[in-house]
Amino acid sequence: MEAYILIGIIAVLVLLFTAFKFKSKRLAKRKAHIINFKVPTKVLQTVKNRYPHLSDDQLKTVERGLREWFHVNLLAKGKPVSMPSQVVDVAWHELILFTKFYQDFCQKAFGRFLHHHPAEAMSSPKSAQQGIKTAWKLACAKERISPLKPTRLPLLFAIDALLDIEDGFKYQLNCQGVGKEGYCATHIGCSASCGSSGAADGGGDSGGCSGGGCGGGS
């Protein structure tokens, strides 16, 4: 009897290990596809037409931001995520117009179609919707930034200000004096993760909602 129980336990462990290896291999393959897929030239040309001041190097930063966005959605595992950048949203929208290409990309990167939702700012300088909170948490995880006490902004939250996007969303770490032109990024992390430690996927360090990170300069 004990032998049968032992065999059963071993069989279950083997199945669990096999499933884990399969999921890990699939995730690695999807990440690799996001890193390596070739963005059509017209996508960045459309971004250039919308924002003529962008240089070739800056357009490469937009492309990197687009890949970061797809990584965030991969980590989200189907949960709703809001796009925090206007310039990356323009690139994403243009990519979707390459219908067959985008369908194939989504299948290889996510195993499903990733629908487009308009870029979304915080509802006020110090109040974020759940989709933005999720984007913040996962973008921080991807770049190993503490979502509660960040020392820098993840690219998706920094790019509009970095590239001087006129209609972009401008996030700031120092929330003193944040007004109509900016959003307080540290308040996102505090409202999203208060009482938790670290970020999804093991990125970032831990912290509480008191101290210099969350709520600073309110």
N, C-alpha and C. Protein backbone atom coordinates (compact mmCIF):
# COMPACT_ATOMS: atom_id res chain seq x y z
N MET A 1 0.83 -1.21 0.00
CA MET A 1 0.00 0.00 0.00
C MET A 1 0.86 1.26 0.00
N GLU A 2 1.88 1.24 0.88
CA GLU A 2 2.77 2.39 0.96
C GLU A 2 3.52 2.59 -0.35
N ALA A 3 3.85 1.48 -1.02
CA ALA A 3 4.56 1.57 -2.29
C ALA A 3 3.69 2.28 -3.34
N TYR A 4 2.39 1.96 -3.36
CA TYR A 4 1.48 2.60 -4.32
C TYR A 4 1.37 4.10 -4.04
N ILE A 5 1.33 4.45 -2.76
CA ILE A 5 1.25 5.87 -2.39
C ILE A 5 2.51 6.60 -2.84
N LEU A 6 3.66 5.97 -2.62
CA LEU A 6 4.93 6.57 -3.02
C LEU A 6 5.00 6.76 -4.53
N ILE A 7 4.55 5.73 -5.27
CA ILE A 7 4.55 5.82 -6.74
C ILE A 7 3.63 6.95 -7.19
N GLY A 8 2.47 7.07 -6.52
CA GLY A 8 1.53 8.14 -6.87
C GLY A 8 2.12 9.52 -6.63
N ILE A 9 2.81 9.67 -5.50
CA ILE A 9 3.44 10.95 -5.18
C ILE A 9 4.51 11.30 -6.21
N ILE A 10 5.31 10.30 -6.56
CA ILE A 10 6.37 10.52 -7.56
C ILE A 10 5.77 10.92 -8.90
N ALA A 11 4.67 10.24 -9.28
CA ALA A 11 4.01 10.55 -10.56
C ALA A 11 3.49 11.98 -10.58
N VAL A 12 2.90 12.41 -9.47
CA VAL A 12 2.38 13.78 -9.38
C VAL A 12 3.52 14.79 -9.47
N LEU A 13 4.62 14.51 -8.77
CA LEU A 13 5.77 15.41 -8.80
C LEU A 13 6.35 15.51 -10.20
N VAL A 14 6.42 14.38 -10.90
CA VAL A 14 6.92 14.38 -12.28
C VAL A 14 6.03 15.23 -13.17
N LEU A 15 4.72 15.08 -13.02
CA LEU A 15 3.78 15.87 -13.82
C LEU A 15 3.90 17.36 -13.53
N LEU A 16 4.03 17.70 -12.25
CA LEU A 16 4.19 19.10 -11.88
C LEU A 16 5.48 19.69 -12.44
N PHE A 17 6.55 18.91 -12.35
CA PHE A 17 7.84 19.37 -12.88
C PHE A 17 7.77 19.55 -14.39
N THR A 18 7.13 18.61 -15.07
CA THR A 18 6.99 18.69 -16.52
C THR A 18 6.18 19.92 -16.92
N ALA A 19 5.09 20.17 -16.19
CA ALA A 19 4.25 21.34 -16.48
C ALA A 19 5.02 22.63 -16.25
N PHE A 20 5.82 22.66 -15.17
CA PHE A 20 6.62 23.84 -14.87
C PHE A 20 7.65 24.10 -15.97
N LYS A 21 8.32 23.05 -16.41
CA LYS A 21 9.33 23.19 -17.46
C LYS A 21 8.68 23.67 -18.76
N PHE A 22 7.50 23.13 -19.06
CA PHE A 22 6.79 23.53 -20.28
C PHE A 22 6.43 25.01 -20.24
N LYS A 23 5.88 25.46 -19.10
CA LYS A 23 5.48 26.86 -18.98
C LYS A 23 6.70 27.78 -19.02
N SER A 24 7.79 27.36 -18.38
CA SER A 24 9.01 28.17 -18.38
C SER A 24 9.58 28.31 -19.78
N LYS A 25 9.58 27.20 -20.51
CA LYS A 25 10.09 27.21 -21.88
C LYS A 25 9.21 28.07 -22.77
N ARG A 26 7.89 27.97 -22.59
CA ARG A 26 6.96 28.77 -23.39
C ARG A 26 7.13 30.26 -23.10
N LEU A 27 7.29 30.61 -21.81
CA LEU A 27 7.48 32.01 -21.44
C LEU A 27 8.77 32.56 -22.04
N ALA A 28 9.84 31.79 -21.97
CA ALA A 28 11.12 32.22 -22.53
C ALA A 28 11.01 32.44 -24.04
N LYS A 29 10.27 31.56 -24.70
CA LYS A 29 10.09 31.67 -26.15
C LYS A 29 9.29 32.92 -26.50
N ARG A 30 8.27 33.22 -25.70
CA ARG A 30 7.46 34.41 -25.95
C ARG A 30 8.26 35.68 -25.69
N LYS A 31 9.05 35.69 -24.63
CA LYS A 31 9.90 36.85 -24.35
C LYS A 31 10.89 37.08 -25.49
N ALA A 32 11.46 36.00 -25.99
CA ALA A 32 12.43 36.11 -27.08
C ALA A 32 11.78 36.67 -28.34
N HIS A 33 10.54 36.27 -28.60
CA HIS A 33 9.85 36.79 -29.78
C HIS A 33 9.60 38.29 -29.65
N ILE A 34 9.22 38.75 -28.47
CA ILE A 34 9.00 40.18 -28.26
C ILE A 34 10.30 40.96 -28.45
N ILE A 35 11.40 40.40 -27.99
CA ILE A 35 12.70 41.07 -28.13
C ILE A 35 13.15 41.14 -29.58
N ASN A 36 12.88 40.08 -30.34
CA ASN A 36 13.50 39.93 -31.66
C ASN A 36 12.62 40.24 -32.85
N PHE A 37 11.30 40.39 -32.67
CA PHE A 37 10.47 40.61 -33.85
C PHE A 37 10.81 41.96 -34.49
N LYS A 38 10.71 42.02 -35.81
CA LYS A 38 11.08 43.23 -36.54
C LYS A 38 9.87 44.16 -36.66
N VAL A 39 10.00 45.34 -36.10
CA VAL A 39 8.93 46.33 -36.20
C VAL A 39 8.92 46.92 -37.61
N PRO A 40 7.80 46.89 -38.32
CA PRO A 40 7.74 47.46 -39.67
C PRO A 40 8.20 48.92 -39.70
N THR A 41 8.95 49.27 -40.73
CA THR A 41 9.49 50.63 -40.85
C THR A 41 8.39 51.69 -40.80
N LYS A 42 7.25 51.39 -41.40
CA LYS A 42 6.16 52.37 -41.46
C LYS A 42 5.62 52.72 -40.08
N VAL A 43 5.76 51.83 -39.13
CA VAL A 43 5.30 52.12 -37.78
C VAL A 43 6.05 53.32 -37.21
N LEU A 44 7.37 53.28 -37.31
CA LEU A 44 8.17 54.39 -36.78
C LEU A 44 8.05 55.63 -37.65
N GLN A 45 7.79 55.44 -38.95
CA GLN A 45 7.58 56.59 -39.83
C GLN A 45 6.31 57.34 -39.44
N THR A 46 5.29 56.58 -39.06
CA THR A 46 4.04 57.21 -38.59
C THR A 46 4.28 58.01 -37.32
N VAL A 47 5.08 57.44 -36.42
CA VAL A 47 5.44 58.17 -35.19
C VAL A 47 6.18 59.45 -35.55
N LYS A 48 7.10 59.35 -36.50
CA LYS A 48 7.87 60.52 -36.95
C LYS A 48 6.95 61.58 -37.55
N ASN A 49 5.97 61.16 -38.33
CA ASN A 49 5.02 62.11 -38.93
C ASN A 49 4.21 62.83 -37.85
N ARG A 50 3.88 62.11 -36.80
CA ARG A 50 3.09 62.69 -35.71
C ARG A 50 3.95 63.62 -34.85
N TYR A 51 5.21 63.22 -34.65
CA TYR A 51 6.12 64.01 -33.81
C TYR A 51 7.41 64.27 -34.61
N PRO A 52 7.41 65.27 -35.50
CA PRO A 52 8.53 65.49 -36.43
C PRO A 52 9.86 65.80 -35.76
N HIS A 53 9.83 66.22 -34.50
CA HIS A 53 11.08 66.60 -33.83
C HIS A 53 11.92 65.39 -33.41
N LEU A 54 11.36 64.19 -33.48
CA LEU A 54 12.09 63.01 -33.01
C LEU A 54 13.22 62.63 -33.96
N SER A 55 14.39 62.37 -33.40
CA SER A 55 15.54 61.91 -34.17
C SER A 55 15.47 60.40 -34.38
N ASP A 56 16.37 59.87 -35.19
CA ASP A 56 16.40 58.42 -35.41
C ASP A 56 16.68 57.68 -34.10
N ASP A 57 17.58 58.21 -33.30
CA ASP A 57 17.88 57.57 -32.01
C ASP A 57 16.65 57.60 -31.10
N GLN A 58 15.92 58.68 -31.12
CA GLN A 58 14.72 58.78 -30.30
C GLN A 58 13.62 57.83 -30.79
N LEU A 59 13.56 57.62 -32.10
CA LEU A 59 12.60 56.65 -32.64
C LEU A 59 12.96 55.23 -32.18
N LYS A 60 14.25 54.97 -32.04
CA LYS A 60 14.67 53.67 -31.50
C LYS A 60 14.21 53.52 -30.05
N THR A 61 14.21 54.63 -29.32
CA THR A 61 13.70 54.60 -27.94
C THR A 61 12.21 54.29 -27.94
N VAL A 62 11.47 54.84 -28.90
CA VAL A 62 10.04 54.52 -29.03
C VAL A 62 9.85 53.03 -29.30
N GLU A 63 10.68 52.49 -30.19
CA GLU A 63 10.61 51.06 -30.49
C GLU A 63 10.89 50.23 -29.23
N ARG A 64 11.87 50.67 -28.46
CA ARG A 64 12.17 49.96 -27.21
C ARG A 64 10.99 50.05 -26.24
N GLY A 65 10.35 51.21 -26.21
CA GLY A 65 9.17 51.37 -25.37
C GLY A 65 8.04 50.46 -25.79
N LEU A 66 7.88 50.27 -27.10
CA LEU A 66 6.84 49.37 -27.61
C LEU A 66 7.11 47.94 -27.16
N ARG A 67 8.36 47.52 -27.23
CA ARG A 67 8.71 46.17 -26.77
C ARG A 67 8.48 46.04 -25.26
N GLU A 68 8.80 47.09 -24.50
CA GLU A 68 8.54 47.08 -23.05
C GLU A 68 7.05 46.92 -22.78
N TRP A 69 6.24 47.60 -23.57
CA TRP A 69 4.78 47.50 -23.41
C TRP A 69 4.31 46.07 -23.61
N PHE A 70 4.85 45.41 -24.61
CA PHE A 70 4.45 44.03 -24.87
C PHE A 70 4.96 43.11 -23.76
N HIS A 71 6.14 43.38 -23.22
CA HIS A 71 6.64 42.60 -22.08
C HIS A 71 5.72 42.75 -20.88
N VAL A 72 5.27 43.97 -20.63
CA VAL A 72 4.35 44.22 -19.51
C VAL A 72 3.07 43.42 -19.68
N ASN A 73 2.54 43.39 -20.89
CA ASN A 73 1.31 42.63 -21.13
C ASN A 73 1.53 41.13 -21.01
N LEU A 74 2.72 40.66 -21.36
CA LEU A 74 3.04 39.25 -21.17
C LEU A 74 3.05 38.91 -19.68
N LEU A 75 3.66 39.77 -18.88
CA LEU A 75 3.70 39.55 -17.43
C LEU A 75 2.32 39.66 -16.80
N ALA A 76 1.43 40.44 -17.42
CA ALA A 76 0.09 40.65 -16.86
C ALA A 76 -0.79 39.41 -16.96
N LYS A 77 -0.44 38.47 -17.83
CA LYS A 77 -1.17 37.20 -17.96
C LYS A 77 -2.67 37.41 -18.17
N GLY A 78 -2.99 38.34 -19.05
CA GLY A 78 -4.39 38.56 -19.40
C GLY A 78 -5.11 39.61 -18.59
N LYS A 79 -4.48 40.11 -17.51
CA LYS A 79 -5.13 41.15 -16.71
C LYS A 79 -5.11 42.47 -17.49
N PRO A 80 -6.14 43.31 -17.32
CA PRO A 80 -6.19 44.59 -18.03
C PRO A 80 -5.03 45.51 -17.62
N VAL A 81 -4.37 46.08 -18.61
CA VAL A 81 -3.26 47.00 -18.36
C VAL A 81 -3.51 48.27 -19.18
N SER A 82 -3.30 49.42 -18.59
CA SER A 82 -3.48 50.69 -19.30
C SER A 82 -2.15 51.16 -19.87
N MET A 83 -2.20 51.71 -21.09
CA MET A 83 -1.02 52.25 -21.74
C MET A 83 -0.68 53.61 -21.13
N PRO A 84 0.51 53.76 -20.53
CA PRO A 84 0.86 55.01 -19.85
C PRO A 84 1.57 56.04 -20.73
N SER A 85 1.77 55.73 -22.02
CA SER A 85 2.53 56.62 -22.89
C SER A 85 1.78 56.93 -24.18
N GLN A 86 1.74 58.19 -24.55
CA GLN A 86 1.09 58.58 -25.80
C GLN A 86 1.92 58.16 -27.01
N VAL A 87 3.23 58.38 -26.96
CA VAL A 87 4.05 58.09 -28.14
C VAL A 87 4.13 56.59 -28.41
N VAL A 88 4.20 55.78 -27.37
CA VAL A 88 4.20 54.33 -27.57
C VAL A 88 2.83 53.87 -28.06
N ASP A 89 1.78 54.53 -27.61
CA ASP A 89 0.44 54.19 -28.06
C ASP A 89 0.28 54.44 -29.55
N VAL A 90 0.86 55.52 -30.06
CA VAL A 90 0.81 55.80 -31.50
C VAL A 90 1.48 54.66 -32.28
N ALA A 91 2.64 54.22 -31.79
CA ALA A 91 3.34 53.11 -32.45
C ALA A 91 2.53 51.83 -32.40
N TRP A 92 1.95 51.54 -31.25
CA TRP A 92 1.14 50.33 -31.09
C TRP A 92 -0.07 50.35 -32.03
N HIS A 93 -0.76 51.47 -32.09
CA HIS A 93 -1.94 51.59 -32.95
C HIS A 93 -1.57 51.37 -34.41
N GLU A 94 -0.44 51.93 -34.83
CA GLU A 94 -0.01 51.75 -36.22
C GLU A 94 0.36 50.30 -36.50
N LEU A 95 1.00 49.64 -35.54
CA LEU A 95 1.37 48.23 -35.72
C LEU A 95 0.13 47.36 -35.92
N ILE A 96 -0.94 47.68 -35.21
CA ILE A 96 -2.18 46.89 -35.32
C ILE A 96 -2.75 46.96 -36.73
N LEU A 97 -2.48 48.06 -37.45
CA LEU A 97 -3.00 48.20 -38.81
C LEU A 97 -2.36 47.21 -39.77
N PHE A 98 -1.23 46.65 -39.40
CA PHE A 98 -0.63 45.54 -40.16
C PHE A 98 -1.32 44.26 -39.67
N THR A 99 -2.55 44.07 -40.11
CA THR A 99 -3.47 43.11 -39.48
C THR A 99 -2.90 41.71 -39.34
N LYS A 100 -2.48 41.11 -40.44
CA LYS A 100 -1.98 39.73 -40.41
C LYS A 100 -0.69 39.65 -39.60
N PHE A 101 0.19 40.62 -39.81
CA PHE A 101 1.46 40.66 -39.08
C PHE A 101 1.20 40.71 -37.58
N TYR A 102 0.28 41.60 -37.18
CA TYR A 102 -0.01 41.77 -35.75
C TYR A 102 -0.67 40.53 -35.17
N GLN A 103 -1.56 39.91 -35.91
CA GLN A 103 -2.19 38.68 -35.43
C GLN A 103 -1.15 37.59 -35.18
N ASP A 104 -0.24 37.43 -36.13
CA ASP A 104 0.82 36.43 -35.99
C ASP A 104 1.72 36.77 -34.80
N PHE A 105 2.05 38.05 -34.67
CA PHE A 105 2.89 38.48 -33.55
C PHE A 105 2.23 38.14 -32.22
N CYS A 106 0.95 38.50 -32.08
CA CYS A 106 0.24 38.27 -30.82
C CYS A 106 0.17 36.79 -30.47
N GLN A 107 -0.06 35.96 -31.46
CA GLN A 107 -0.16 34.52 -31.20
C GLN A 107 1.16 33.98 -30.67
N LYS A 108 2.27 34.46 -31.24
CA LYS A 108 3.58 33.99 -30.82
C LYS A 108 4.02 34.62 -29.49
N ALA A 109 3.58 35.84 -29.24
CA ALA A 109 4.03 36.56 -28.04
C ALA A 109 3.14 36.31 -26.83
N PHE A 110 1.82 36.11 -27.07
CA PHE A 110 0.88 35.99 -25.95
C PHE A 110 -0.01 34.76 -26.01
N GLY A 111 -0.07 34.12 -27.17
CA GLY A 111 -0.99 33.00 -27.33
C GLY A 111 -2.43 33.45 -27.50
N ARG A 112 -2.62 34.74 -27.75
CA ARG A 112 -3.96 35.32 -27.92
C ARG A 112 -3.80 36.68 -28.58
N PHE A 113 -4.92 37.27 -28.98
CA PHE A 113 -4.89 38.59 -29.60
C PHE A 113 -4.90 39.66 -28.51
N LEU A 114 -3.98 40.61 -28.60
CA LEU A 114 -3.92 41.72 -27.65
C LEU A 114 -4.64 42.92 -28.25
N HIS A 115 -5.83 43.20 -27.73
CA HIS A 115 -6.65 44.29 -28.26
C HIS A 115 -6.10 45.64 -27.83
N HIS A 116 -6.31 46.62 -28.70
CA HIS A 116 -5.84 47.97 -28.42
C HIS A 116 -6.86 48.73 -27.57
N HIS A 117 -6.35 49.40 -26.54
CA HIS A 117 -7.15 50.33 -25.75
C HIS A 117 -6.40 51.66 -25.73
N PRO A 118 -7.09 52.77 -25.82
CA PRO A 118 -6.42 54.07 -25.87
C PRO A 118 -5.52 54.29 -24.65
N ALA A 119 -4.48 55.10 -24.86
CA ALA A 119 -3.60 55.47 -23.75
C ALA A 119 -4.43 56.14 -22.66
N GLU A 120 -4.05 55.89 -21.42
CA GLU A 120 -4.85 56.38 -20.30
C GLU A 120 -3.96 57.04 -19.26
N ALA A 121 -4.26 58.29 -18.98
CA ALA A 121 -3.53 58.99 -17.92
C ALA A 121 -4.17 58.66 -16.57
N MET A 122 -3.53 59.11 -15.51
CA MET A 122 -4.14 59.02 -14.18
C MET A 122 -5.38 59.92 -14.16
N SER A 123 -6.36 59.56 -13.35
CA SER A 123 -7.60 60.34 -13.30
C SER A 123 -7.38 61.73 -12.71
N SER A 124 -6.32 61.88 -11.92
CA SER A 124 -5.89 63.17 -11.40
C SER A 124 -4.39 63.05 -11.12
N PRO A 125 -3.69 64.16 -10.86
CA PRO A 125 -2.25 64.07 -10.63
C PRO A 125 -1.83 63.07 -9.56
N LYS A 126 -2.74 62.74 -8.62
CA LYS A 126 -2.36 61.85 -7.52
C LYS A 126 -3.36 60.71 -7.32
N SER A 127 -4.07 60.35 -8.39
CA SER A 127 -5.04 59.25 -8.30
C SER A 127 -4.99 58.42 -9.57
N ALA A 128 -4.72 57.12 -9.43
CA ALA A 128 -4.54 56.25 -10.59
C ALA A 128 -5.60 55.16 -10.64
N GLN A 129 -6.06 54.85 -11.87
CA GLN A 129 -6.97 53.74 -12.07
C GLN A 129 -6.21 52.42 -11.98
N GLN A 130 -6.97 51.32 -11.86
CA GLN A 130 -6.34 50.02 -11.67
C GLN A 130 -5.43 49.64 -12.83
N GLY A 131 -5.85 49.97 -14.06
CA GLY A 131 -5.02 49.62 -15.22
C GLY A 131 -3.66 50.27 -15.19
N ILE A 132 -3.62 51.52 -14.74
CA ILE A 132 -2.34 52.23 -14.61
C ILE A 132 -1.53 51.65 -13.46
N LYS A 133 -2.19 51.28 -12.37
CA LYS A 133 -1.49 50.66 -11.24
C LYS A 133 -0.81 49.37 -11.68
N THR A 134 -1.54 48.57 -12.47
CA THR A 134 -0.96 47.31 -12.95
C THR A 134 0.22 47.57 -13.86
N ALA A 135 0.07 48.55 -14.76
CA ALA A 135 1.17 48.90 -15.67
C ALA A 135 2.40 49.34 -14.89
N TRP A 136 2.19 50.15 -13.85
CA TRP A 136 3.30 50.63 -13.03
C TRP A 136 4.01 49.46 -12.33
N LYS A 137 3.23 48.61 -11.70
CA LYS A 137 3.81 47.49 -10.95
C LYS A 137 4.64 46.59 -11.86
N LEU A 138 4.11 46.26 -13.04
CA LEU A 138 4.80 45.34 -13.94
C LEU A 138 5.95 46.00 -14.68
N ALA A 139 5.81 47.27 -15.03
CA ALA A 139 6.92 47.99 -15.66
C ALA A 139 8.09 48.11 -14.68
N CYS A 140 7.78 48.37 -13.42
CA CYS A 140 8.84 48.40 -12.40
C CYS A 140 9.48 47.03 -12.24
N ALA A 141 8.66 45.99 -12.24
CA ALA A 141 9.19 44.63 -12.10
C ALA A 141 10.13 44.30 -13.25
N LYS A 142 9.74 44.68 -14.47
CA LYS A 142 10.56 44.40 -15.65
C LYS A 142 11.93 45.04 -15.54
N GLU A 143 11.99 46.26 -14.98
CA GLU A 143 13.25 46.99 -14.89
C GLU A 143 13.88 46.93 -13.50
N ARG A 144 13.34 46.05 -12.64
CA ARG A 144 13.86 45.85 -11.28
C ARG A 144 13.94 47.17 -10.50
N ILE A 145 12.82 47.87 -10.52
CA ILE A 145 12.66 49.10 -9.76
C ILE A 145 11.65 48.85 -8.66
N SER A 146 11.89 49.36 -7.47
CA SER A 146 10.90 49.24 -6.41
C SER A 146 9.67 50.05 -6.79
N PRO A 147 8.48 49.43 -6.84
CA PRO A 147 7.28 50.20 -7.19
C PRO A 147 6.85 51.15 -6.07
N LEU A 148 7.31 50.89 -4.85
CA LEU A 148 6.93 51.72 -3.71
C LEU A 148 7.90 52.87 -3.47
N LYS A 149 9.19 52.61 -3.67
CA LYS A 149 10.20 53.63 -3.46
C LYS A 149 11.14 53.68 -4.67
N PRO A 150 10.63 54.10 -5.81
CA PRO A 150 11.45 54.11 -7.03
C PRO A 150 12.51 55.21 -6.99
N THR A 151 13.66 54.90 -7.54
CA THR A 151 14.71 55.91 -7.68
C THR A 151 14.74 56.47 -9.10
N ARG A 152 14.00 55.85 -9.99
CA ARG A 152 13.86 56.34 -11.36
C ARG A 152 12.53 55.81 -11.91
N LEU A 153 12.11 56.38 -13.02
CA LEU A 153 10.88 55.94 -13.68
C LEU A 153 11.18 54.82 -14.66
N PRO A 154 10.33 53.80 -14.75
CA PRO A 154 10.48 52.84 -15.83
C PRO A 154 10.22 53.53 -17.17
N LEU A 155 10.78 53.00 -18.23
CA LEU A 155 10.75 53.66 -19.54
C LEU A 155 9.34 54.05 -19.96
N LEU A 156 8.36 53.17 -19.80
CA LEU A 156 7.01 53.46 -20.26
C LEU A 156 6.41 54.69 -19.58
N PHE A 157 6.86 54.99 -18.37
CA PHE A 157 6.36 56.15 -17.65
C PHE A 157 7.27 57.37 -17.82
N ALA A 158 8.44 57.17 -18.36
CA ALA A 158 9.40 58.27 -18.54
C ALA A 158 9.45 58.79 -19.97
N ILE A 159 9.03 57.97 -20.93
CA ILE A 159 9.34 58.23 -22.33
C ILE A 159 8.70 59.49 -22.88
N ASP A 160 7.47 59.80 -22.51
CA ASP A 160 6.82 60.99 -23.07
C ASP A 160 7.55 62.26 -22.67
N ALA A 161 7.96 62.35 -21.42
CA ALA A 161 8.72 63.52 -20.96
C ALA A 161 10.13 63.50 -21.55
N LEU A 162 10.73 62.31 -21.60
CA LEU A 162 12.09 62.16 -22.13
C LEU A 162 12.18 62.64 -23.57
N LEU A 163 11.15 62.35 -24.36
CA LEU A 163 11.15 62.71 -25.78
C LEU A 163 10.38 64.00 -26.07
N ASP A 164 9.99 64.70 -25.02
CA ASP A 164 9.29 65.98 -25.16
C ASP A 164 8.05 65.84 -26.04
N ILE A 165 7.22 64.86 -25.71
CA ILE A 165 5.97 64.63 -26.45
C ILE A 165 4.93 65.64 -25.95
N GLU A 166 4.51 66.53 -26.85
CA GLU A 166 3.68 67.66 -26.44
C GLU A 166 2.38 67.22 -25.77
N ASP A 167 1.73 66.19 -26.33
CA ASP A 167 0.47 65.72 -25.77
C ASP A 167 0.66 64.48 -24.89
N GLY A 168 1.90 64.28 -24.45
CA GLY A 168 2.22 63.08 -23.68
C GLY A 168 1.82 63.18 -22.22
N PHE A 169 1.98 62.05 -21.52
CA PHE A 169 1.72 61.98 -20.09
C PHE A 169 3.05 62.12 -19.36
N LYS A 170 3.16 63.13 -18.53
CA LYS A 170 4.43 63.43 -17.85
C LYS A 170 4.35 62.98 -16.39
N TYR A 171 5.13 61.97 -16.05
CA TYR A 171 5.16 61.44 -14.68
C TYR A 171 6.40 61.95 -13.96
N GLN A 172 6.28 62.16 -12.67
CA GLN A 172 7.37 62.68 -11.86
C GLN A 172 7.54 61.86 -10.59
N LEU A 173 8.80 61.74 -10.15
CA LEU A 173 9.07 61.10 -8.87
C LEU A 173 8.92 62.09 -7.72
N ASN A 174 9.41 63.30 -7.94
CA ASN A 174 9.26 64.35 -6.93
C ASN A 174 7.89 64.98 -7.11
N CYS A 175 6.98 64.70 -6.22
CA CYS A 175 5.59 65.09 -6.40
C CYS A 175 5.27 66.47 -5.84
N GLN A 176 6.24 67.17 -5.32
CA GLN A 176 5.99 68.52 -4.83
C GLN A 176 5.73 69.44 -6.02
N GLY A 177 4.61 70.10 -5.98
CA GLY A 177 4.29 71.05 -7.04
C GLY A 177 3.75 70.41 -8.30
N VAL A 178 3.41 69.12 -8.27
CA VAL A 178 2.82 68.48 -9.44
C VAL A 178 1.48 69.14 -9.73
N GLY A 179 1.30 69.60 -10.95
CA GLY A 179 0.06 70.27 -11.32
C GLY A 179 -0.56 69.68 -12.55
N LYS A 180 -1.13 70.53 -13.39
CA LYS A 180 -1.86 70.07 -14.56
C LYS A 180 -0.95 69.37 -15.57
N GLU A 181 0.34 69.70 -15.55
CA GLU A 181 1.25 69.16 -16.56
C GLU A 181 1.88 67.84 -16.15
N GLY A 182 1.63 67.37 -14.95
CA GLY A 182 2.32 66.17 -14.52
C GLY A 182 1.48 65.28 -13.63
N TYR A 183 2.00 64.05 -13.44
CA TYR A 183 1.34 63.05 -12.60
C TYR A 183 2.35 62.50 -11.61
N CYS A 184 1.90 62.24 -10.41
CA CYS A 184 2.78 61.78 -9.34
C CYS A 184 2.93 60.26 -9.40
N ALA A 185 4.07 59.80 -9.88
CA ALA A 185 4.28 58.36 -10.07
C ALA A 185 4.33 57.60 -8.75
N THR A 186 4.90 58.21 -7.72
CA THR A 186 5.04 57.48 -6.46
C THR A 186 3.69 57.18 -5.82
N HIS A 187 2.70 57.97 -6.11
CA HIS A 187 1.36 57.70 -5.59
C HIS A 187 0.75 56.47 -6.25
N ILE A 188 1.17 56.17 -7.48
CA ILE A 188 0.66 54.96 -8.14
C ILE A 188 1.12 53.73 -7.36
N GLY A 189 2.43 53.68 -7.07
CA GLY A 189 2.97 52.53 -6.36
C GLY A 189 2.37 52.36 -4.99
N CYS A 190 2.13 53.47 -4.31
CA CYS A 190 1.59 53.39 -2.95
C CYS A 190 0.17 52.85 -2.97
N SER A 191 -0.67 53.38 -3.86
CA SER A 191 -2.06 52.94 -3.90
C SER A 191 -2.19 51.54 -4.48
N ALA A 192 -1.22 51.14 -5.30
CA ALA A 192 -1.29 49.83 -5.94
C ALA A 192 -0.80 48.72 -5.04
N SER A 193 0.20 49.00 -4.18
CA SER A 193 0.90 47.91 -3.51
C SER A 193 1.04 48.10 -2.01
N CYS A 194 0.26 48.98 -1.41
CA CYS A 194 0.43 49.25 0.02
C CYS A 194 0.31 47.98 0.83
N GLY A 195 1.36 47.72 1.64
CA GLY A 195 1.34 46.54 2.50
C GLY A 195 1.95 45.32 1.87
N SER A 196 2.30 45.40 0.56
CA SER A 196 2.91 44.24 -0.10
C SER A 196 4.38 44.49 -0.24
N SER A 197 5.11 43.48 -0.69
CA SER A 197 6.55 43.63 -0.86
C SER A 197 6.94 43.28 -2.26
N GLY A 198 7.87 44.10 -2.82
CA GLY A 198 8.40 43.83 -4.12
C GLY A 198 7.38 44.04 -5.21
N ALA A 199 7.67 43.44 -6.38
CA ALA A 199 6.79 43.56 -7.53
C ALA A 199 6.62 42.21 -8.16
N ALA A 200 5.70 42.15 -9.10
CA ALA A 200 5.44 40.88 -9.76
C ALA A 200 6.69 40.41 -10.47
N ASP A 201 6.83 39.10 -10.61
CA ASP A 201 7.94 38.49 -11.32
C ASP A 201 9.27 38.67 -10.60
N GLY A 202 9.22 39.07 -9.31
CA GLY A 202 10.45 39.13 -8.52
C GLY A 202 11.28 40.36 -8.70
N GLY A 203 10.80 41.37 -9.46
CA GLY A 203 11.61 42.55 -9.67
C GLY A 203 11.44 43.54 -8.55
N GLY A 204 12.45 44.37 -8.34
CA GLY A 204 12.35 45.44 -7.36
C GLY A 204 12.52 44.97 -5.94
N ASP A 205 12.79 45.93 -5.05
CA ASP A 205 12.93 45.60 -3.64
C ASP A 205 11.63 45.95 -2.93
N SER A 206 11.59 45.65 -1.63
CA SER A 206 10.34 45.84 -0.90
C SER A 206 10.34 47.16 -0.17
N GLY A 207 9.13 47.56 0.25
CA GLY A 207 9.01 48.80 1.00
C GLY A 207 7.59 48.99 1.45
N GLY A 208 7.39 49.87 2.43
CA GLY A 208 6.05 50.15 2.91
C GLY A 208 5.55 51.44 2.33
N CYS A 209 4.37 51.87 2.75
CA CYS A 209 3.75 53.07 2.23
C CYS A 209 4.10 54.30 3.04
N SER A 210 5.03 54.19 3.95
CA SER A 210 5.47 55.37 4.68
C SER A 210 6.88 55.70 4.26
N GLY A 211 7.31 56.89 4.55
CA GLY A 211 8.68 57.26 4.23
C GLY A 211 8.77 58.04 2.95
N GLY A 212 10.00 58.08 2.38
CA GLY A 212 10.27 58.98 1.27
C GLY A 212 9.64 58.60 -0.03
N GLY A 213 9.20 57.36 -0.19
CA GLY A 213 8.63 56.97 -1.47
C GLY A 213 7.18 57.36 -1.57
N CYS A 214 6.29 56.56 -1.07
CA CYS A 214 4.87 56.80 -1.19
C CYS A 214 4.46 57.99 -0.36
N GLY A 215 3.70 58.81 -1.00
CA GLY A 215 3.11 59.94 -0.29
C GLY A 215 4.03 61.12 -0.11
N GLY A 216 5.27 61.01 -0.59
CA GLY A 216 6.18 62.13 -0.42
C GLY A 216 5.75 63.34 -1.21
N GLY A 217 5.79 64.47 -0.61
CA GLY A 217 5.49 65.71 -1.30
C GLY A 217 4.04 65.90 -1.64
N SER A 218 3.15 65.23 -0.94
CA SER A 218 1.74 65.38 -1.24
C SER A 218 1.21 66.70 -0.71
